[in-house]
Amino acid sequence: MDKTKEYNDTYNHIVTITDRKNIVLSGIKKLNSFDDTEFFVDSVMGSILIKGENLELIKLDTFQGNLSIKGRIISVNYLDDNNKKIKADNIMARLFK
């Protein structure tokens, strides 16, 4: 059986935002990068870019696929393959700045 299919069938993807101060996501596969203004994660539904202010990682459980962040949430964007490549390039540019 394909591991990706097995993983997708095992976890639901749910996003809960409370008062633009807390966000809880399920179905998270990987936390790619994060800082106090953005989180870049892979979920069972694709890559997600969360932008905000004073963002702070509260909980990351990759075994169960849960992620909890607090701070002021400005946007939650699902990225297609082109945007994911652009985001990866931006991360590399910031690292070698």
N, C-alpha and C. Protein backbone atom coordinates (compact mmCIF):
# COMPACT_ATOMS: atom_id res chain seq x y z
N MET A 1 0.83 -1.18 0.00
CA MET A 1 0.00 0.00 0.00
C MET A 1 0.88 1.25 0.00
N ASP A 2 0.46 2.26 -0.72
CA ASP A 2 1.19 3.52 -0.81
C ASP A 2 1.16 4.23 0.54
N LYS A 3 2.35 4.59 1.06
CA LYS A 3 2.41 5.24 2.38
C LYS A 3 1.68 6.57 2.39
N THR A 4 1.77 7.34 1.30
CA THR A 4 1.09 8.63 1.25
C THR A 4 -0.42 8.44 1.36
N LYS A 5 -0.96 7.48 0.63
CA LYS A 5 -2.39 7.22 0.69
C LYS A 5 -2.78 6.77 2.08
N GLU A 6 -1.97 5.91 2.68
CA GLU A 6 -2.26 5.43 4.03
C GLU A 6 -2.27 6.60 5.01
N TYR A 7 -1.32 7.50 4.89
CA TYR A 7 -1.23 8.67 5.77
C TYR A 7 -2.44 9.57 5.58
N ASN A 8 -2.82 9.82 4.32
CA ASN A 8 -3.96 10.69 4.04
C ASN A 8 -5.25 10.12 4.58
N ASP A 9 -5.42 8.81 4.53
CA ASP A 9 -6.64 8.19 5.02
C ASP A 9 -6.68 8.15 6.54
N THR A 10 -5.54 8.22 7.18
CA THR A 10 -5.47 8.10 8.63
C THR A 10 -5.83 9.40 9.33
N TYR A 11 -5.42 10.55 8.80
CA TYR A 11 -5.60 11.83 9.46
C TYR A 11 -6.58 12.72 8.71
N ASN A 12 -7.49 13.33 9.48
CA ASN A 12 -8.35 14.36 8.95
C ASN A 12 -7.61 15.69 9.02
N HIS A 13 -8.00 16.61 8.17
CA HIS A 13 -7.39 17.94 8.20
C HIS A 13 -8.44 18.91 8.72
N ILE A 14 -8.17 19.49 9.88
CA ILE A 14 -9.09 20.44 10.50
C ILE A 14 -8.28 21.67 10.89
N VAL A 15 -8.84 22.86 10.61
CA VAL A 15 -8.23 24.12 11.01
C VAL A 15 -9.23 24.85 11.89
N THR A 16 -8.79 25.22 13.10
CA THR A 16 -9.64 25.96 14.03
C THR A 16 -8.91 27.22 14.45
N ILE A 17 -9.52 28.38 14.17
CA ILE A 17 -8.95 29.66 14.58
C ILE A 17 -9.89 30.27 15.60
N THR A 18 -9.33 30.68 16.74
CA THR A 18 -10.11 31.27 17.81
C THR A 18 -9.68 32.72 18.01
N ASP A 19 -10.60 33.64 17.75
CA ASP A 19 -10.37 35.08 17.98
C ASP A 19 -9.10 35.62 17.33
N ARG A 20 -8.67 35.04 16.24
CA ARG A 20 -7.44 35.42 15.54
C ARG A 20 -6.22 35.39 16.45
N LYS A 21 -6.32 34.71 17.58
CA LYS A 21 -5.21 34.64 18.54
C LYS A 21 -4.61 33.25 18.64
N ASN A 22 -5.38 32.24 18.30
CA ASN A 22 -4.90 30.85 18.38
C ASN A 22 -5.36 30.11 17.14
N ILE A 23 -4.49 29.24 16.65
CA ILE A 23 -4.85 28.37 15.54
C ILE A 23 -4.39 26.96 15.87
N VAL A 24 -5.27 26.00 15.65
CA VAL A 24 -4.96 24.59 15.86
C VAL A 24 -5.24 23.88 14.55
N LEU A 25 -4.26 23.11 14.09
CA LEU A 25 -4.39 22.38 12.84
C LEU A 25 -4.17 20.90 13.10
N SER A 26 -4.94 20.07 12.43
CA SER A 26 -4.70 18.62 12.46
C SER A 26 -4.38 18.17 11.05
N GLY A 27 -3.83 16.98 10.92
CA GLY A 27 -3.43 16.47 9.61
C GLY A 27 -2.11 17.06 9.15
N ILE A 28 -1.26 17.48 10.09
CA ILE A 28 0.04 18.07 9.76
C ILE A 28 1.08 16.97 9.64
N LYS A 29 1.82 16.99 8.53
CA LYS A 29 2.87 16.00 8.30
C LYS A 29 4.23 16.51 8.72
N LYS A 30 4.50 17.81 8.48
CA LYS A 30 5.85 18.32 8.70
C LYS A 30 5.81 19.83 8.91
N LEU A 31 6.60 20.31 9.85
CA LEU A 31 6.82 21.74 10.04
C LEU A 31 8.12 22.08 9.32
N ASN A 32 8.01 22.78 8.19
CA ASN A 32 9.18 23.09 7.36
C ASN A 32 10.02 24.21 7.94
N SER A 33 9.37 25.30 8.32
CA SER A 33 10.08 26.44 8.90
C SER A 33 9.08 27.31 9.65
N PHE A 34 9.63 28.10 10.58
CA PHE A 34 8.77 29.04 11.28
C PHE A 34 9.59 30.13 11.93
N ASP A 35 8.96 31.27 12.11
CA ASP A 35 9.51 32.36 12.90
C ASP A 35 8.33 33.12 13.49
N ASP A 36 8.56 34.32 14.01
CA ASP A 36 7.47 35.03 14.68
C ASP A 36 6.47 35.68 13.72
N THR A 37 6.73 35.59 12.40
CA THR A 37 5.79 36.17 11.43
C THR A 37 5.15 35.14 10.49
N GLU A 38 5.73 33.93 10.38
CA GLU A 38 5.11 32.94 9.51
C GLU A 38 5.53 31.51 9.84
N PHE A 39 4.62 30.60 9.56
CA PHE A 39 4.85 29.17 9.70
C PHE A 39 4.59 28.54 8.34
N PHE A 40 5.47 27.64 7.91
CA PHE A 40 5.34 26.94 6.64
C PHE A 40 5.28 25.45 6.95
N VAL A 41 4.12 24.82 6.71
CA VAL A 41 3.91 23.42 7.09
C VAL A 41 3.38 22.61 5.91
N ASP A 42 3.62 21.30 5.96
CA ASP A 42 3.01 20.36 5.02
C ASP A 42 1.90 19.63 5.74
N SER A 43 0.73 19.58 5.10
CA SER A 43 -0.41 18.87 5.67
C SER A 43 -0.86 17.79 4.69
N VAL A 44 -1.82 17.01 5.11
CA VAL A 44 -2.36 15.98 4.22
C VAL A 44 -3.11 16.60 3.05
N MET A 45 -3.43 17.90 3.13
CA MET A 45 -4.12 18.59 2.04
C MET A 45 -3.19 19.51 1.25
N GLY A 46 -1.89 19.41 1.49
CA GLY A 46 -0.92 20.23 0.78
C GLY A 46 -0.17 21.17 1.72
N SER A 47 0.65 22.03 1.14
CA SER A 47 1.45 22.97 1.93
C SER A 47 0.59 24.15 2.38
N ILE A 48 0.89 24.64 3.59
CA ILE A 48 0.14 25.76 4.16
C ILE A 48 1.12 26.80 4.65
N LEU A 49 0.83 28.07 4.37
CA LEU A 49 1.62 29.19 4.86
C LEU A 49 0.72 30.01 5.78
N ILE A 50 1.11 30.10 7.05
CA ILE A 50 0.35 30.85 8.05
C ILE A 50 1.16 32.10 8.36
N LYS A 51 0.55 33.28 8.18
CA LYS A 51 1.23 34.54 8.46
C LYS A 51 0.55 35.23 9.63
N GLY A 52 1.37 35.97 10.39
CA GLY A 52 0.83 36.68 11.52
C GLY A 52 1.88 37.53 12.20
N GLU A 53 1.57 37.92 13.42
CA GLU A 53 2.48 38.72 14.23
C GLU A 53 2.65 38.04 15.58
N ASN A 54 3.87 38.07 16.09
CA ASN A 54 4.18 37.47 17.39
C ASN A 54 3.73 36.01 17.48
N LEU A 55 3.93 35.27 16.39
CA LEU A 55 3.52 33.87 16.36
C LEU A 55 4.47 33.04 17.22
N GLU A 56 3.90 32.08 17.92
CA GLU A 56 4.67 31.24 18.82
C GLU A 56 4.16 29.81 18.74
N LEU A 57 5.07 28.87 18.59
CA LEU A 57 4.73 27.45 18.56
C LEU A 57 4.34 27.01 19.96
N ILE A 58 3.13 26.51 20.10
CA ILE A 58 2.66 26.02 21.39
C ILE A 58 2.82 24.51 21.48
N LYS A 59 2.40 23.80 20.44
CA LYS A 59 2.49 22.35 20.46
C LYS A 59 2.65 21.82 19.04
N LEU A 60 3.57 20.88 18.89
CA LEU A 60 3.74 20.16 17.63
C LEU A 60 3.81 18.68 17.95
N ASP A 61 2.84 17.94 17.44
CA ASP A 61 2.80 16.49 17.64
C ASP A 61 2.73 15.85 16.26
N THR A 62 3.90 15.49 15.71
CA THR A 62 3.93 14.93 14.37
C THR A 62 3.40 13.50 14.34
N PHE A 63 3.40 12.83 15.48
CA PHE A 63 2.87 11.47 15.52
C PHE A 63 1.36 11.49 15.29
N GLN A 64 0.65 12.41 15.94
CA GLN A 64 -0.79 12.53 15.76
C GLN A 64 -1.15 13.56 14.70
N GLY A 65 -0.17 14.37 14.26
CA GLY A 65 -0.40 15.35 13.21
C GLY A 65 -1.06 16.62 13.68
N ASN A 66 -0.79 17.07 14.91
CA ASN A 66 -1.41 18.27 15.46
C ASN A 66 -0.39 19.39 15.62
N LEU A 67 -0.85 20.62 15.36
CA LEU A 67 -0.02 21.80 15.50
C LEU A 67 -0.86 22.89 16.14
N SER A 68 -0.29 23.56 17.15
CA SER A 68 -0.98 24.66 17.83
C SER A 68 -0.06 25.87 17.85
N ILE A 69 -0.59 27.02 17.44
CA ILE A 69 0.18 28.26 17.35
C ILE A 69 -0.63 29.37 18.02
N LYS A 70 0.07 30.27 18.74
CA LYS A 70 -0.61 31.44 19.27
C LYS A 70 0.06 32.69 18.74
N GLY A 71 -0.69 33.77 18.71
CA GLY A 71 -0.23 35.05 18.17
C GLY A 71 -1.36 35.64 17.36
N ARG A 72 -1.12 36.75 16.70
CA ARG A 72 -2.15 37.38 15.87
C ARG A 72 -2.12 36.75 14.47
N ILE A 73 -3.17 36.03 14.11
CA ILE A 73 -3.25 35.35 12.81
C ILE A 73 -3.72 36.35 11.76
N ILE A 74 -2.94 36.51 10.70
CA ILE A 74 -3.30 37.43 9.62
C ILE A 74 -3.84 36.65 8.42
N SER A 75 -3.19 35.53 8.07
CA SER A 75 -3.67 34.77 6.91
C SER A 75 -3.26 33.31 7.01
N VAL A 76 -4.06 32.47 6.34
CA VAL A 76 -3.78 31.05 6.18
C VAL A 76 -3.95 30.75 4.70
N ASN A 77 -2.86 30.37 4.03
CA ASN A 77 -2.89 30.12 2.59
C ASN A 77 -2.43 28.71 2.26
N TYR A 78 -3.20 28.04 1.42
CA TYR A 78 -2.80 26.75 0.88
C TYR A 78 -2.03 27.02 -0.40
N LEU A 79 -0.86 26.41 -0.52
CA LEU A 79 0.01 26.68 -1.66
C LEU A 79 -0.03 25.53 -2.66
N ASP A 80 -0.03 25.89 -3.95
CA ASP A 80 0.10 24.87 -4.98
C ASP A 80 1.58 24.61 -5.19
N ASP A 81 1.94 23.75 -6.13
CA ASP A 81 3.34 23.37 -6.33
C ASP A 81 4.21 24.56 -6.72
N ASN A 82 3.70 25.49 -7.55
CA ASN A 82 4.49 26.65 -7.94
C ASN A 82 4.80 27.54 -6.75
N ASN A 83 3.78 27.82 -5.91
CA ASN A 83 3.99 28.67 -4.74
C ASN A 83 4.90 28.00 -3.73
N LYS A 84 4.84 26.68 -3.63
CA LYS A 84 5.70 25.96 -2.69
C LYS A 84 7.16 26.11 -3.11
N LYS A 85 7.44 26.05 -4.41
CA LYS A 85 8.82 26.22 -4.89
C LYS A 85 9.29 27.64 -4.62
N ILE A 86 8.45 28.63 -4.86
CA ILE A 86 8.81 30.02 -4.60
C ILE A 86 9.11 30.20 -3.11
N LYS A 87 8.28 29.63 -2.26
CA LYS A 87 8.48 29.74 -0.81
C LYS A 87 9.79 29.08 -0.40
N ALA A 88 10.08 27.92 -0.94
CA ALA A 88 11.34 27.22 -0.62
C ALA A 88 12.53 28.06 -1.06
N ASP A 89 12.44 28.68 -2.22
CA ASP A 89 13.52 29.54 -2.70
C ASP A 89 13.71 30.74 -1.77
N ASN A 90 12.61 31.32 -1.28
CA ASN A 90 12.69 32.46 -0.37
C ASN A 90 13.35 32.07 0.94
N ILE A 91 13.07 30.89 1.44
CA ILE A 91 13.68 30.40 2.68
C ILE A 91 15.19 30.28 2.49
N MET A 92 15.59 29.71 1.38
CA MET A 92 17.03 29.54 1.12
C MET A 92 17.71 30.90 0.99
N ALA A 93 17.06 31.86 0.33
CA ALA A 93 17.64 33.19 0.17
C ALA A 93 17.82 33.86 1.53
N ARG A 94 16.86 33.67 2.44
CA ARG A 94 16.99 34.27 3.77
C ARG A 94 18.10 33.61 4.57
N LEU A 95 18.29 32.31 4.39
CA LEU A 95 19.33 31.61 5.12
C LEU A 95 20.72 32.08 4.74
N PHE A 96 20.92 32.35 3.45
CA PHE A 96 22.25 32.72 2.95
C PHE A 96 22.41 34.20 2.71
N LYS A 97 21.60 35.00 3.35
CA LYS A 97 21.64 36.46 3.22
C LYS A 97 22.84 37.03 3.90
